[in-house]
């Protein structure tokens, strides 16, 4: 499974992904992580001629854990913030 994700990341031109967790809380079997999702990717993936682009988006991760096993994993991202960052870099972004 790890090899599958590694290959998918490399073929997509993604150079770096990460979640900087700024807050978290637990409510029963539910775990919530609040933070910023960072991505660095080849520029051509986003309409730039060359180079790499980096941007960030606010993100919330919800995990439901039962008997020590993650039973549900849902991520919510503010894609509008990512699109705005690309636009600031000079990329005309269509919604």
C-alpha atoms as a PDB file:
ATOM      1  CA  UNK A   1       0.000   0.000   0.000  1.00  0.00           C
ATOM      2  CA  UNK A   2       2.818   2.405   0.857  1.00  0.00           C
ATOM      3  CA  UNK A   3       4.417   1.695  -2.525  1.00  0.00           C
ATOM      4  CA  UNK A   4       1.116   2.492  -4.263  1.00  0.00           C
ATOM      5  CA  UNK A   5       0.943   5.929  -2.612  1.00  0.00           C
ATOM      6  CA  UNK A   6       4.648   6.604  -3.238  1.00  0.00           C
ATOM      7  CA  UNK A   7       4.246   5.822  -6.960  1.00  0.00           C
ATOM      8  CA  UNK A   8       1.089   7.928  -7.243  1.00  0.00           C
ATOM      9  CA  UNK A   9       2.820  10.894  -5.619  1.00  0.00           C
ATOM     10  CA  UNK A  10       5.913  10.639  -7.803  1.00  0.00           C
ATOM     11  CA  UNK A  11       3.933  10.287 -11.044  1.00  0.00           C
ATOM     12  CA  UNK A  12       1.718  13.260 -10.187  1.00  0.00           C
ATOM     13  CA  UNK A  13       4.714  15.563  -9.822  1.00  0.00           C
ATOM     14  CA  UNK A  14       3.967  16.217  -6.186  1.00  0.00           C
ATOM     15  CA  UNK A  15       7.195  17.111  -4.429  1.00  0.00           C
ATOM     16  CA  UNK A  16       5.993  17.626  -0.872  1.00  0.00           C
ATOM     17  CA  UNK A  17       2.769  17.233   1.105  1.00  0.00           C
ATOM     18  CA  UNK A  18       2.218  17.939   4.759  1.00  0.00           C
ATOM     19  CA  UNK A  19      -0.265  18.856   7.454  1.00  0.00           C
ATOM     20  CA  UNK A  20       0.835  21.279  10.145  1.00  0.00           C
ATOM     21  CA  UNK A  21      -1.480  20.495  13.059  1.00  0.00           C
ATOM     22  CA  UNK A  22      -2.359  23.662  14.969  1.00  0.00           C
ATOM     23  CA  UNK A  23      -5.065  22.279  17.245  1.00  0.00           C
ATOM     24  CA  UNK A  24      -6.722  18.984  18.070  1.00  0.00           C
ATOM     25  CA  UNK A  25      -9.429  17.629  20.303  1.00  0.00           C
ATOM     26  CA  UNK A  26     -11.101  14.359  21.163  1.00  0.00           C
ATOM     27  CA  UNK A  27     -14.819  13.781  21.721  1.00  0.00           C
ATOM     28  CA  UNK A  28     -15.566  10.135  22.462  1.00  0.00           C
ATOM     29  CA  UNK A  29     -14.377   8.039  19.516  1.00  0.00           C
ATOM     30  CA  UNK A  30     -13.913  11.179  17.381  1.00  0.00           C
ATOM     31  CA  UNK A  31     -10.578  12.899  16.880  1.00  0.00           C
ATOM     32  CA  UNK A  32     -10.366  16.269  15.123  1.00  0.00           C
ATOM     33  CA  UNK A  33      -7.158  17.807  13.791  1.00  0.00           C
ATOM     34  CA  UNK A  34      -7.198  21.438  12.671  1.00  0.00           C
ATOM     35  CA  UNK A  35      -4.308  22.818  10.694  1.00  0.00           C
ATOM     36  CA  UNK A  36      -2.782  23.856   7.414  1.00  0.00           C
ATOM     37  CA  UNK A  37      -2.204  21.502   4.488  1.00  0.00           C
ATOM     38  CA  UNK A  38       0.937  22.366   2.503  1.00  0.00           C
ATOM     39  CA  UNK A  39       1.656  21.213  -1.037  1.00  0.00           C
ATOM     40  CA  UNK A  40       4.628  21.703  -3.340  1.00  0.00           C
ATOM     41  CA  UNK A  41       4.227  20.440  -6.877  1.00  0.00           C
ATOM     42  CA  UNK A  42       5.625  20.859 -10.371  1.00  0.00           C
ATOM     43  CA  UNK A  43       4.502  24.189 -11.780  1.00  0.00           C
ATOM     44  CA  UNK A  44       3.131  22.645 -14.985  1.00  0.00           C
ATOM     45  CA  UNK A  45       0.548  20.802 -12.879  1.00  0.00           C
ATOM     46  CA  UNK A  46      -0.988  24.185 -12.092  1.00  0.00           C
ATOM     47  CA  UNK A  47      -0.588  26.000 -15.409  1.00  0.00           C
ATOM     48  CA  UNK A  48       2.856  27.522 -14.871  1.00  0.00           C
ATOM     49  CA  UNK A  49       5.512  27.020 -17.522  1.00  0.00           C
ATOM     50  CA  UNK A  50       8.167  25.593 -15.209  1.00  0.00           C
ATOM     51  CA  UNK A  51       9.505  25.392 -11.700  1.00  0.00           C
ATOM     52  CA  UNK A  52       7.696  24.363  -8.568  1.00  0.00           C
ATOM     53  CA  UNK A  53       4.804  26.019  -6.794  1.00  0.00           C
ATOM     54  CA  UNK A  54       3.971  25.865  -3.110  1.00  0.00           C
ATOM     55  CA  UNK A  55       0.754  26.879  -1.423  1.00  0.00           C
ATOM     56  CA  UNK A  56      -1.300  26.081   1.649  1.00  0.00           C
ATOM     57  CA  UNK A  57      -4.948  25.553   2.556  1.00  0.00           C
ATOM     58  CA  UNK A  58      -6.752  25.355   5.895  1.00  0.00           C
ATOM     59  CA  UNK A  59      -7.764  21.778   6.682  1.00  0.00           C
ATOM     60  CA  UNK A  60      -9.760  19.790   9.226  1.00  0.00           C
ATOM     61  CA  UNK A  61      -9.307  16.030   9.619  1.00  0.00           C
ATOM     62  CA  UNK A  62     -11.932  13.886  11.351  1.00  0.00           C
ATOM     63  CA  UNK A  63     -11.045  10.387  12.527  1.00  0.00           C
ATOM     64  CA  UNK A  64     -13.462   7.964  14.195  1.00  0.00           C
ATOM     65  CA  UNK A  65     -11.528   5.390  16.178  1.00  0.00           C
ATOM     66  CA  UNK A  66     -13.176   2.289  17.630  1.00  0.00           C
ATOM     67  CA  UNK A  67     -11.243  -0.347  19.566  1.00  0.00           C
ATOM     68  CA  UNK A  68      -7.958   1.198  18.467  1.00  0.00           C
ATOM     69  CA  UNK A  69      -8.812   1.032  14.743  1.00  0.00           C
ATOM     70  CA  UNK A  70      -9.543   4.016  12.483  1.00  0.00           C
ATOM     71  CA  UNK A  71     -13.031   3.274  11.170  1.00  0.00           C
ATOM     72  CA  UNK A  72     -13.608   6.600   9.408  1.00  0.00           C
ATOM     73  CA  UNK A  73     -11.213   9.223   8.018  1.00  0.00           C
ATOM     74  CA  UNK A  74     -12.630  12.396   6.433  1.00  0.00           C
ATOM     75  CA  UNK A  75     -10.676  15.477   5.369  1.00  0.00           C
ATOM     76  CA  UNK A  76     -12.140  18.921   4.736  1.00  0.00           C
ATOM     77  CA  UNK A  77     -10.045  21.509   2.868  1.00  0.00           C
ATOM     78  CA  UNK A  78     -10.649  25.138   2.000  1.00  0.00           C
ATOM     79  CA  UNK A  79      -9.879  24.855  -1.701  1.00  0.00           C
ATOM     80  CA  UNK A  80     -10.799  28.515  -2.244  1.00  0.00           C
ATOM     81  CA  UNK A  81      -7.707  29.496  -0.231  1.00  0.00           C
ATOM     82  CA  UNK A  82      -5.520  27.296  -2.457  1.00  0.00           C
ATOM     83  CA  UNK A  83      -7.002  28.766  -5.620  1.00  0.00           C
ATOM     84  CA  UNK A  84      -6.497  32.297  -4.261  1.00  0.00           C
ATOM     85  CA  UNK A  85      -2.833  31.524  -3.560  1.00  0.00           C
ATOM     86  CA  UNK A  86      -2.346  30.258  -7.129  1.00  0.00           C
ATOM     87  CA  UNK A  87      -4.031  33.369  -8.476  1.00  0.00           C
ATOM     88  CA  UNK A  88      -1.679  35.576  -6.413  1.00  0.00           C
ATOM     89  CA  UNK A  89       1.259  33.791  -8.083  1.00  0.00           C
ATOM     90  CA  UNK A  90      -0.051  34.918 -11.452  1.00  0.00           C
ATOM     91  CA  UNK A  91      -2.074  31.879 -12.448  1.00  0.00           C
ATOM     92  CA  UNK A  92      -5.542  32.753 -13.734  1.00  0.00           C
ATOM     93  CA  UNK A  93      -7.705  30.208 -11.936  1.00  0.00           C
ATOM     94  CA  UNK A  94     -11.187  29.276 -13.030  1.00  0.00           C
ATOM     95  CA  UNK A  95     -13.565  28.210 -10.221  1.00  0.00           C
END
